[in-house]
Amino acid sequence: MALGPKQMGEAIIRNLKEKTGKSIEEWIALLEKQELKGKKEIMAFLKTDYGLGHFQAQKVFEHYSGKDHYEDPHTFAKKIFDTKKSWELYDFCRSKILLMAKDIRVQPCKTYIPFYRKNKFAMLTKTKDDVLLLGLTLPENPSNPRFTAIPVTANDRINARTTIRHTSDFDEEIMSAVKNAYKIS
């Protein structure tokens, strides 16, 4: 089962002692002895002076500053869908997807909202023009003309997307494609 961002961050913190020789508490104590100012300076210190990877340094900084981005990941949705129109579209689409089955998990990220069964099968995000993008994991070469094929990356299975401008765009044809993506995930 794929880990969401919050679970990945928790794993990084859990494994710090083994991977770096210091626990999160020891890293915070070290930072408290320094006279560093701001995220950029702290991140550079951790990465350059101690060889931490970017995500390890990020998690140490978040705990040190008390600002864990994934403490309440649902705030990401509010930042992504930041207008009344985009929020209403997002809420409508999210509700329809979640009503399909009880085993669907939502694990918000900073720039998109993914939906998981065993694997990610759908995602929602927004364009600058308040248009929602619905991405799905569909069988190869989606035949539905409403979907555009997109290249699959190493970390992602989403291979097709369509735009949602109005709630009426999320019709039975789109819902059928979402159900198909859910089934194959």
N, C-alpha and C. Protein backbone atom coordinates (compact mmCIF):
# COMPACT_ATOMS: atom_id res chain seq x y z
N MET A 1 0.85 -1.17 0.00
CA MET A 1 0.00 0.00 0.00
C MET A 1 0.89 1.24 0.00
N ALA A 2 0.59 2.17 -0.85
CA ALA A 2 1.37 3.40 -0.96
C ALA A 2 1.18 4.26 0.29
N LEU A 3 2.27 4.87 0.72
CA LEU A 3 2.19 5.78 1.85
C LEU A 3 1.84 7.17 1.35
N GLY A 4 1.02 7.86 2.11
CA GLY A 4 0.73 9.25 1.81
C GLY A 4 1.83 10.13 2.38
N PRO A 5 1.79 11.42 2.09
CA PRO A 5 2.84 12.32 2.55
C PRO A 5 3.01 12.34 4.07
N LYS A 6 1.89 12.31 4.79
CA LYS A 6 1.97 12.33 6.26
C LYS A 6 2.68 11.07 6.76
N GLN A 7 2.31 9.91 6.22
CA GLN A 7 2.92 8.65 6.64
C GLN A 7 4.40 8.60 6.24
N MET A 8 4.73 9.16 5.08
CA MET A 8 6.13 9.20 4.67
C MET A 8 6.95 10.06 5.63
N GLY A 9 6.39 11.20 6.03
CA GLY A 9 7.08 12.07 6.99
C GLY A 9 7.28 11.37 8.33
N GLU A 10 6.26 10.65 8.77
CA GLU A 10 6.36 9.91 10.03
C GLU A 10 7.45 8.84 9.93
N ALA A 11 7.55 8.18 8.78
CA ALA A 11 8.59 7.17 8.58
C ALA A 11 9.98 7.80 8.60
N ILE A 12 10.11 8.98 8.01
CA ILE A 12 11.41 9.67 8.03
C ILE A 12 11.81 9.96 9.47
N ILE A 13 10.88 10.46 10.27
CA ILE A 13 11.17 10.77 11.67
C ILE A 13 11.52 9.49 12.44
N ARG A 14 10.74 8.44 12.23
CA ARG A 14 10.99 7.15 12.91
C ARG A 14 12.38 6.61 12.59
N ASN A 15 12.84 6.81 11.36
CA ASN A 15 14.11 6.22 10.91
C ASN A 15 15.30 7.15 11.04
N LEU A 16 15.12 8.36 11.58
CA LEU A 16 16.23 9.31 11.68
C LEU A 16 17.42 8.75 12.46
N LYS A 17 17.16 8.17 13.61
CA LYS A 17 18.26 7.67 14.46
C LYS A 17 19.08 6.63 13.69
N GLU A 18 18.40 5.70 13.04
CA GLU A 18 19.09 4.65 12.29
C GLU A 18 19.86 5.23 11.10
N LYS A 19 19.25 6.17 10.38
CA LYS A 19 19.84 6.70 9.15
C LYS A 19 20.89 7.79 9.38
N THR A 20 20.71 8.57 10.46
CA THR A 20 21.59 9.73 10.66
C THR A 20 22.39 9.68 11.96
N GLY A 21 22.04 8.75 12.84
CA GLY A 21 22.74 8.67 14.12
C GLY A 21 22.12 9.53 15.21
N LYS A 22 21.13 10.34 14.86
CA LYS A 22 20.47 11.21 15.83
C LYS A 22 18.96 11.06 15.72
N SER A 23 18.29 11.11 16.86
CA SER A 23 16.82 11.10 16.89
C SER A 23 16.32 12.51 16.59
N ILE A 24 15.02 12.67 16.39
CA ILE A 24 14.45 14.00 16.15
C ILE A 24 14.73 14.91 17.34
N GLU A 25 14.66 14.38 18.55
CA GLU A 25 14.93 15.18 19.74
C GLU A 25 16.39 15.66 19.76
N GLU A 26 17.30 14.79 19.35
CA GLU A 26 18.72 15.18 19.30
C GLU A 26 18.98 16.24 18.23
N TRP A 27 18.30 16.12 17.08
CA TRP A 27 18.45 17.13 16.03
C TRP A 27 17.91 18.48 16.49
N ILE A 28 16.78 18.47 17.18
CA ILE A 28 16.20 19.72 17.67
C ILE A 28 17.12 20.34 18.72
N ALA A 29 17.67 19.53 19.61
CA ALA A 29 18.61 20.04 20.62
C ALA A 29 19.83 20.67 19.95
N LEU A 30 20.32 20.05 18.89
CA LEU A 30 21.46 20.59 18.15
C LEU A 30 21.10 21.95 17.53
N LEU A 31 19.92 22.05 16.93
CA LEU A 31 19.50 23.31 16.31
C LEU A 31 19.32 24.42 17.36
N GLU A 32 18.84 24.04 18.54
CA GLU A 32 18.63 25.04 19.59
C GLU A 32 19.94 25.67 20.06
N LYS A 33 21.06 24.97 19.88
CA LYS A 33 22.37 25.50 20.27
C LYS A 33 22.96 26.42 19.20
N GLN A 34 22.40 26.39 18.01
CA GLN A 34 22.91 27.20 16.90
C GLN A 34 22.26 28.57 16.90
N GLU A 35 22.84 29.48 16.20
CA GLU A 35 22.26 30.81 16.05
C GLU A 35 21.84 30.99 14.59
N LEU A 36 21.00 30.10 14.15
CA LEU A 36 20.55 30.12 12.75
C LEU A 36 19.23 30.85 12.65
N LYS A 37 19.06 31.54 11.52
CA LYS A 37 17.82 32.29 11.32
C LYS A 37 17.16 31.83 10.04
N GLY A 38 15.91 31.48 10.14
CA GLY A 38 15.12 31.17 8.96
C GLY A 38 15.32 29.77 8.41
N LYS A 39 14.33 29.36 7.67
CA LYS A 39 14.29 28.02 7.10
C LYS A 39 15.48 27.75 6.18
N LYS A 40 15.78 28.69 5.32
CA LYS A 40 16.84 28.49 4.33
C LYS A 40 18.19 28.21 5.02
N GLU A 41 18.50 29.00 6.03
CA GLU A 41 19.77 28.83 6.74
C GLU A 41 19.81 27.50 7.51
N ILE A 42 18.70 27.15 8.13
CA ILE A 42 18.63 25.89 8.89
C ILE A 42 18.75 24.69 7.95
N MET A 43 18.01 24.74 6.84
CA MET A 43 18.06 23.64 5.87
C MET A 43 19.48 23.48 5.32
N ALA A 44 20.13 24.58 4.98
CA ALA A 44 21.51 24.52 4.46
C ALA A 44 22.45 23.93 5.50
N PHE A 45 22.31 24.34 6.75
CA PHE A 45 23.13 23.81 7.84
C PHE A 45 22.97 22.30 7.96
N LEU A 46 21.74 21.83 7.98
CA LEU A 46 21.49 20.39 8.13
C LEU A 46 22.01 19.59 6.94
N LYS A 47 21.83 20.13 5.76
CA LYS A 47 22.24 19.41 4.55
C LYS A 47 23.74 19.48 4.32
N THR A 48 24.31 20.66 4.48
CA THR A 48 25.74 20.85 4.18
C THR A 48 26.63 20.35 5.31
N ASP A 49 26.33 20.76 6.53
CA ASP A 49 27.20 20.41 7.65
C ASP A 49 27.00 18.98 8.15
N TYR A 50 25.80 18.42 7.96
CA TYR A 50 25.51 17.10 8.50
C TYR A 50 25.08 16.07 7.46
N GLY A 51 24.98 16.48 6.21
CA GLY A 51 24.68 15.53 5.13
C GLY A 51 23.28 14.98 5.11
N LEU A 52 22.34 15.66 5.74
CA LEU A 52 20.96 15.18 5.69
C LEU A 52 20.42 15.36 4.28
N GLY A 53 19.55 14.46 3.89
CA GLY A 53 18.85 14.59 2.63
C GLY A 53 17.80 15.69 2.75
N HIS A 54 17.29 16.14 1.64
CA HIS A 54 16.34 17.25 1.65
C HIS A 54 15.12 16.96 2.53
N PHE A 55 14.53 15.78 2.37
CA PHE A 55 13.31 15.48 3.12
C PHE A 55 13.59 15.25 4.60
N GLN A 56 14.77 14.70 4.92
CA GLN A 56 15.14 14.57 6.32
C GLN A 56 15.28 15.96 6.95
N ALA A 57 15.99 16.84 6.25
CA ALA A 57 16.18 18.21 6.76
C ALA A 57 14.84 18.92 6.89
N GLN A 58 13.97 18.71 5.92
CA GLN A 58 12.64 19.34 5.95
C GLN A 58 11.87 18.90 7.19
N LYS A 59 11.86 17.61 7.47
CA LYS A 59 11.12 17.11 8.64
C LYS A 59 11.74 17.62 9.94
N VAL A 60 13.08 17.66 10.02
CA VAL A 60 13.73 18.19 11.22
C VAL A 60 13.34 19.66 11.40
N PHE A 61 13.41 20.43 10.32
CA PHE A 61 13.02 21.85 10.40
C PHE A 61 11.58 22.00 10.85
N GLU A 62 10.68 21.22 10.28
CA GLU A 62 9.26 21.32 10.64
C GLU A 62 9.05 21.05 12.13
N HIS A 63 9.71 20.03 12.65
CA HIS A 63 9.55 19.72 14.08
C HIS A 63 10.19 20.80 14.93
N TYR A 64 11.34 21.30 14.51
CA TYR A 64 12.02 22.37 15.23
C TYR A 64 11.16 23.64 15.28
N SER A 65 10.55 23.98 14.16
CA SER A 65 9.76 25.20 14.07
C SER A 65 8.32 25.02 14.56
N GLY A 66 7.92 23.77 14.77
CA GLY A 66 6.55 23.51 15.20
C GLY A 66 5.53 23.66 14.10
N LYS A 67 5.97 23.59 12.87
CA LYS A 67 5.07 23.79 11.72
C LYS A 67 5.12 22.57 10.80
N ASP A 68 4.58 21.47 11.26
CA ASP A 68 4.53 20.27 10.43
C ASP A 68 3.44 20.46 9.39
N HIS A 69 3.85 20.53 8.12
CA HIS A 69 2.91 20.77 7.03
C HIS A 69 1.82 19.71 6.96
N TYR A 70 2.11 18.52 7.43
CA TYR A 70 1.15 17.44 7.29
C TYR A 70 0.38 17.16 8.57
N GLU A 71 0.50 18.03 9.54
CA GLU A 71 -0.27 17.85 10.78
C GLU A 71 -1.76 17.84 10.48
N ASP A 72 -2.20 18.77 9.65
CA ASP A 72 -3.58 18.78 9.20
C ASP A 72 -3.56 18.90 7.67
N PRO A 73 -3.37 17.78 6.99
CA PRO A 73 -3.21 17.84 5.53
C PRO A 73 -4.45 18.36 4.81
N HIS A 74 -5.60 18.36 5.47
CA HIS A 74 -6.80 18.85 4.81
C HIS A 74 -6.75 20.36 4.56
N THR A 75 -5.84 21.02 5.25
CA THR A 75 -5.67 22.44 4.96
C THR A 75 -5.13 22.64 3.55
N PHE A 76 -4.47 21.62 3.01
CA PHE A 76 -3.97 21.71 1.63
C PHE A 76 -5.13 21.91 0.66
N ALA A 77 -6.21 21.20 0.87
CA ALA A 77 -7.37 21.33 -0.03
C ALA A 77 -7.88 22.77 -0.03
N LYS A 78 -7.91 23.37 1.14
CA LYS A 78 -8.40 24.75 1.23
C LYS A 78 -7.47 25.72 0.51
N LYS A 79 -6.18 25.41 0.50
CA LYS A 79 -5.22 26.28 -0.21
C LYS A 79 -5.27 26.06 -1.71
N ILE A 80 -5.46 24.82 -2.13
CA ILE A 80 -5.51 24.52 -3.56
C ILE A 80 -6.79 25.09 -4.17
N PHE A 81 -7.91 24.77 -3.56
CA PHE A 81 -9.21 25.19 -4.07
C PHE A 81 -9.64 26.44 -3.30
N ASP A 82 -8.98 27.53 -3.62
CA ASP A 82 -9.04 28.74 -2.81
C ASP A 82 -10.08 29.78 -3.24
N THR A 83 -10.93 29.42 -4.18
CA THR A 83 -12.03 30.32 -4.55
C THR A 83 -13.34 29.59 -4.28
N LYS A 84 -14.39 30.34 -4.20
CA LYS A 84 -15.70 29.72 -3.94
C LYS A 84 -16.04 28.71 -5.03
N LYS A 85 -15.82 29.09 -6.29
CA LYS A 85 -16.15 28.20 -7.41
C LYS A 85 -15.32 26.91 -7.35
N SER A 86 -14.00 27.05 -7.19
CA SER A 86 -13.16 25.84 -7.19
C SER A 86 -13.46 24.97 -5.98
N TRP A 87 -13.73 25.58 -4.80
CA TRP A 87 -14.06 24.79 -3.62
C TRP A 87 -15.36 24.01 -3.83
N GLU A 88 -16.37 24.64 -4.38
CA GLU A 88 -17.64 23.95 -4.62
C GLU A 88 -17.47 22.82 -5.61
N LEU A 89 -16.70 23.04 -6.67
CA LEU A 89 -16.43 21.96 -7.64
C LEU A 89 -15.67 20.81 -6.97
N TYR A 90 -14.63 21.16 -6.23
CA TYR A 90 -13.84 20.14 -5.55
C TYR A 90 -14.71 19.34 -4.58
N ASP A 91 -15.49 20.02 -3.77
CA ASP A 91 -16.32 19.36 -2.78
C ASP A 91 -17.34 18.43 -3.45
N PHE A 92 -17.91 18.87 -4.54
CA PHE A 92 -18.86 18.05 -5.29
C PHE A 92 -18.18 16.80 -5.83
N CYS A 93 -17.05 16.97 -6.51
CA CYS A 93 -16.33 15.83 -7.10
C CYS A 93 -15.83 14.87 -6.02
N ARG A 94 -15.24 15.42 -4.95
CA ARG A 94 -14.73 14.59 -3.85
C ARG A 94 -15.86 13.76 -3.26
N SER A 95 -17.00 14.38 -3.03
CA SER A 95 -18.14 13.66 -2.45
C SER A 95 -18.59 12.52 -3.34
N LYS A 96 -18.68 12.77 -4.64
CA LYS A 96 -19.10 11.72 -5.58
C LYS A 96 -18.11 10.55 -5.57
N ILE A 97 -16.82 10.87 -5.54
CA ILE A 97 -15.80 9.81 -5.53
C ILE A 97 -15.88 9.01 -4.24
N LEU A 98 -15.99 9.68 -3.11
CA LEU A 98 -16.01 9.00 -1.82
C LEU A 98 -17.27 8.16 -1.61
N LEU A 99 -18.35 8.51 -2.25
CA LEU A 99 -19.59 7.73 -2.12
C LEU A 99 -19.51 6.39 -2.86
N MET A 100 -18.51 6.21 -3.70
CA MET A 100 -18.39 4.96 -4.47
C MET A 100 -18.12 3.75 -3.58
N ALA A 101 -17.26 3.92 -2.57
CA ALA A 101 -16.87 2.78 -1.75
C ALA A 101 -16.31 3.26 -0.42
N LYS A 102 -16.35 2.40 0.57
CA LYS A 102 -15.89 2.76 1.91
C LYS A 102 -14.38 2.64 2.07
N ASP A 103 -13.70 1.97 1.15
CA ASP A 103 -12.27 1.76 1.29
C ASP A 103 -11.41 2.82 0.59
N ILE A 104 -12.01 3.90 0.19
CA ILE A 104 -11.26 4.97 -0.49
C ILE A 104 -10.65 5.89 0.56
N ARG A 105 -9.34 6.15 0.40
CA ARG A 105 -8.62 7.06 1.29
C ARG A 105 -8.24 8.32 0.53
N VAL A 106 -8.32 9.44 1.20
CA VAL A 106 -7.87 10.71 0.65
C VAL A 106 -6.64 11.12 1.45
N GLN A 107 -5.53 11.37 0.76
CA GLN A 107 -4.29 11.75 1.43
C GLN A 107 -3.76 13.03 0.80
N PRO A 108 -4.30 14.18 1.21
CA PRO A 108 -3.96 15.44 0.57
C PRO A 108 -2.48 15.74 0.51
N CYS A 109 -2.06 16.32 -0.59
CA CYS A 109 -0.71 16.80 -0.81
C CYS A 109 -0.77 18.31 -1.01
N LYS A 110 0.37 18.96 -1.15
CA LYS A 110 0.40 20.41 -1.26
C LYS A 110 -0.24 20.93 -2.54
N THR A 111 -0.15 20.18 -3.63
CA THR A 111 -0.62 20.72 -4.92
C THR A 111 -1.76 19.94 -5.54
N TYR A 112 -2.11 18.81 -4.98
CA TYR A 112 -3.22 18.02 -5.50
C TYR A 112 -3.79 17.13 -4.41
N ILE A 113 -4.99 16.62 -4.67
CA ILE A 113 -5.65 15.73 -3.71
C ILE A 113 -5.78 14.35 -4.35
N PRO A 114 -5.01 13.36 -3.88
CA PRO A 114 -5.10 12.02 -4.44
C PRO A 114 -6.12 11.15 -3.70
N PHE A 115 -6.66 10.19 -4.43
CA PHE A 115 -7.61 9.22 -3.90
C PHE A 115 -7.00 7.84 -4.09
N TYR A 116 -7.00 7.04 -3.02
CA TYR A 116 -6.39 5.72 -3.04
C TYR A 116 -7.40 4.64 -2.72
N ARG A 117 -7.19 3.50 -3.32
CA ARG A 117 -7.77 2.25 -2.89
C ARG A 117 -6.57 1.46 -2.40
N LYS A 118 -6.05 0.54 -3.20
CA LYS A 118 -4.74 -0.05 -2.90
C LYS A 118 -3.65 0.89 -3.38
N ASN A 119 -3.88 1.48 -4.54
CA ASN A 119 -2.97 2.45 -5.15
C ASN A 119 -3.76 3.70 -5.50
N LYS A 120 -3.05 4.74 -5.87
CA LYS A 120 -3.72 5.96 -6.29
C LYS A 120 -4.46 5.69 -7.58
N PHE A 121 -5.75 6.05 -7.61
CA PHE A 121 -6.53 5.83 -8.82
C PHE A 121 -7.11 7.13 -9.38
N ALA A 122 -7.13 8.17 -8.56
CA ALA A 122 -7.67 9.45 -9.02
C ALA A 122 -6.99 10.58 -8.28
N MET A 123 -7.04 11.77 -8.87
CA MET A 123 -6.53 12.96 -8.21
C MET A 123 -7.27 14.18 -8.75
N LEU A 124 -7.37 15.19 -7.90
CA LEU A 124 -7.99 16.46 -8.28
C LEU A 124 -7.01 17.59 -7.98
N THR A 125 -6.94 18.53 -8.87
CA THR A 125 -6.19 19.75 -8.65
C THR A 125 -6.88 20.87 -9.41
N LYS A 126 -6.29 22.06 -9.39
CA LYS A 126 -6.93 23.22 -10.00
C LYS A 126 -5.95 23.96 -10.89
N THR A 127 -6.47 24.52 -11.98
CA THR A 127 -5.66 25.39 -12.83
C THR A 127 -5.81 26.82 -12.35
N LYS A 128 -5.02 27.72 -12.92
CA LYS A 128 -5.11 29.14 -12.57
C LYS A 128 -6.48 29.72 -12.91
N ASP A 129 -7.17 29.09 -13.87
CA ASP A 129 -8.46 29.60 -14.33
C ASP A 129 -9.65 29.01 -13.57
N ASP A 130 -9.42 28.46 -12.38
CA ASP A 130 -10.48 27.86 -11.57
C ASP A 130 -11.13 26.66 -12.25
N VAL A 131 -10.38 25.97 -13.07
CA VAL A 131 -10.86 24.75 -13.70
C VAL A 131 -10.22 23.59 -12.96
N LEU A 132 -11.01 22.59 -12.60
CA LEU A 132 -10.46 21.41 -11.94
C LEU A 132 -9.93 20.44 -12.97
N LEU A 133 -8.82 19.81 -12.62
CA LEU A 133 -8.29 18.73 -13.42
C LEU A 133 -8.53 17.44 -12.65
N LEU A 134 -9.16 16.50 -13.30
CA LEU A 134 -9.39 15.17 -12.73
C LEU A 134 -8.44 14.23 -13.45
N GLY A 135 -7.53 13.65 -12.70
CA GLY A 135 -6.60 12.66 -13.25
C GLY A 135 -7.03 11.28 -12.80
N LEU A 136 -6.90 10.29 -13.71
CA LEU A 136 -7.28 8.92 -13.38
C LEU A 136 -6.23 7.94 -13.86
N THR A 137 -6.21 6.78 -13.22
CA THR A 137 -5.42 5.66 -13.69
C THR A 137 -6.37 4.78 -14.49
N LEU A 138 -6.25 4.85 -15.80
CA LEU A 138 -7.14 4.09 -16.68
C LEU A 138 -6.35 3.03 -17.42
N PRO A 139 -7.04 2.06 -18.03
CA PRO A 139 -6.31 1.11 -18.86
C PRO A 139 -5.52 1.88 -19.92
N GLU A 140 -4.45 1.27 -20.43
CA GLU A 140 -3.61 1.96 -21.42
C GLU A 140 -4.43 2.52 -22.56
N ASN A 141 -4.00 3.66 -23.06
CA ASN A 141 -4.64 4.36 -24.19
C ASN A 141 -6.14 4.54 -23.95
N PRO A 142 -6.51 5.44 -23.06
CA PRO A 142 -7.93 5.65 -22.79
C PRO A 142 -8.68 5.99 -24.08
N SER A 143 -9.79 5.30 -24.29
CA SER A 143 -10.55 5.48 -25.53
C SER A 143 -11.58 6.60 -25.42
N ASN A 144 -11.87 7.05 -24.21
CA ASN A 144 -12.86 8.11 -24.04
C ASN A 144 -12.26 9.44 -24.51
N PRO A 145 -12.88 10.08 -25.50
CA PRO A 145 -12.33 11.33 -26.04
C PRO A 145 -12.32 12.49 -25.04
N ARG A 146 -13.03 12.35 -23.95
CA ARG A 146 -13.03 13.42 -22.93
C ARG A 146 -11.75 13.40 -22.09
N PHE A 147 -10.96 12.34 -22.22
CA PHE A 147 -9.72 12.22 -21.47
C PHE A 147 -8.52 12.38 -22.38
N THR A 148 -7.53 13.08 -21.89
CA THR A 148 -6.26 13.24 -22.58
C THR A 148 -5.26 12.31 -21.92
N ALA A 149 -4.55 11.54 -22.72
CA ALA A 149 -3.50 10.68 -22.18
C ALA A 149 -2.35 11.56 -21.72
N ILE A 150 -1.77 11.22 -20.57
CA ILE A 150 -0.61 11.94 -20.06
C ILE A 150 0.48 10.93 -19.72
N PRO A 151 1.74 11.32 -19.83
CA PRO A 151 2.83 10.38 -19.53
C PRO A 151 2.82 9.98 -18.06
N VAL A 152 3.08 8.74 -17.81
CA VAL A 152 3.17 8.22 -16.45
C VAL A 152 4.59 8.45 -15.95
N THR A 153 4.71 8.97 -14.73
CA THR A 153 6.04 9.17 -14.15
C THR A 153 6.38 7.98 -13.27
N ALA A 154 7.62 7.94 -12.83
CA ALA A 154 8.07 6.82 -12.00
C ALA A 154 7.27 6.70 -10.71
N ASN A 155 6.80 7.83 -10.18
CA ASN A 155 6.10 7.81 -8.89
C ASN A 155 4.59 7.82 -9.02
N ASP A 156 4.08 7.85 -10.22
CA ASP A 156 2.65 8.09 -10.38
C ASP A 156 2.06 7.17 -11.42
N ARG A 157 0.85 6.73 -11.18
CA ARG A 157 0.15 5.84 -12.11
C ARG A 157 -0.91 6.58 -12.91
N ILE A 158 -1.18 7.83 -12.58
CA ILE A 158 -2.20 8.60 -13.28
C ILE A 158 -1.77 8.76 -14.74
N ASN A 159 -2.64 8.32 -15.66
CA ASN A 159 -2.26 8.35 -17.07
C ASN A 159 -3.26 9.07 -17.97
N ALA A 160 -4.29 9.66 -17.38
CA ALA A 160 -5.30 10.37 -18.18
C ALA A 160 -5.89 11.49 -17.35
N ARG A 161 -6.32 12.56 -18.03
CA ARG A 161 -6.96 13.65 -17.29
C ARG A 161 -8.04 14.28 -18.13
N THR A 162 -8.94 14.94 -17.43
CA THR A 162 -10.01 15.70 -18.06
C THR A 162 -10.25 16.94 -17.21
N THR A 163 -10.94 17.91 -17.78
CA THR A 163 -11.25 19.12 -17.04
C THR A 163 -12.69 19.09 -16.55
N ILE A 164 -12.89 19.70 -15.40
CA ILE A 164 -14.22 19.84 -14.80
C ILE A 164 -14.42 21.34 -14.59
N ARG A 165 -15.31 21.91 -15.38
CA ARG A 165 -15.59 23.35 -15.28
C ARG A 165 -16.86 23.64 -14.47
N HIS A 166 -17.77 22.68 -14.49
CA HIS A 166 -19.07 22.81 -13.80
C HIS A 166 -19.42 21.46 -13.22
N THR A 167 -20.28 21.44 -12.22
CA THR A 167 -20.67 20.16 -11.63
C THR A 167 -21.31 19.25 -12.69
N SER A 168 -21.95 19.84 -13.68
CA SER A 168 -22.58 19.02 -14.72
C SER A 168 -21.55 18.27 -15.57
N ASP A 169 -20.28 18.72 -15.55
CA ASP A 169 -19.23 18.00 -16.29
C ASP A 169 -18.91 16.65 -15.64
N PHE A 170 -19.16 16.54 -14.33
CA PHE A 170 -18.90 15.30 -13.61
C PHE A 170 -20.14 14.43 -13.73
N ASP A 171 -20.38 13.97 -14.95
CA ASP A 171 -21.60 13.24 -15.27
C ASP A 171 -21.37 11.73 -15.18
N GLU A 172 -22.35 10.96 -15.65
CA GLU A 172 -22.26 9.49 -15.60
C GLU A 172 -21.08 8.94 -16.38
N GLU A 173 -20.76 9.56 -17.50
CA GLU A 173 -19.61 9.10 -18.31
C GLU A 173 -18.31 9.27 -17.52
N ILE A 174 -18.14 10.40 -16.87
CA ILE A 174 -16.94 10.63 -16.05
C ILE A 174 -16.97 9.70 -14.84
N MET A 175 -18.13 9.56 -14.22
CA MET A 175 -18.24 8.68 -13.05
C MET A 175 -17.91 7.25 -13.42
N SER A 176 -18.30 6.82 -14.59
CA SER A 176 -17.98 5.47 -15.07
C SER A 176 -16.46 5.29 -15.20
N ALA A 177 -15.78 6.31 -15.69
CA ALA A 177 -14.33 6.26 -15.81
C ALA A 177 -13.68 6.21 -14.44
N VAL A 178 -14.21 6.97 -13.48
CA VAL A 178 -13.68 6.95 -12.11
C VAL A 178 -13.85 5.57 -11.51
N LYS A 179 -15.02 4.96 -11.72
CA LYS A 179 -15.26 3.61 -11.20
C LYS A 179 -14.31 2.60 -11.83
N ASN A 180 -14.03 2.75 -13.10
CA ASN A 180 -13.09 1.87 -13.79
C ASN A 180 -11.69 2.02 -13.19
N ALA A 181 -11.27 3.26 -12.95
CA ALA A 181 -9.95 3.50 -12.34
C ALA A 181 -9.90 2.87 -10.94
N TYR A 182 -10.97 3.02 -10.18
CA TYR A 182 -11.05 2.43 -8.84
C TYR A 182 -10.89 0.90 -8.90
N LYS A 183 -11.58 0.28 -9.85
CA LYS A 183 -11.56 -1.18 -9.97
C LYS A 183 -10.16 -1.72 -10.26
N ILE A 184 -9.41 -1.01 -11.09
CA ILE A 184 -8.09 -1.53 -11.47
C ILE A 184 -6.97 -1.10 -10.52
N SER A 185 -7.31 -0.29 -9.50
CA SER A 185 -6.25 0.15 -8.59
C SER A 185 -5.92 -0.92 -7.57
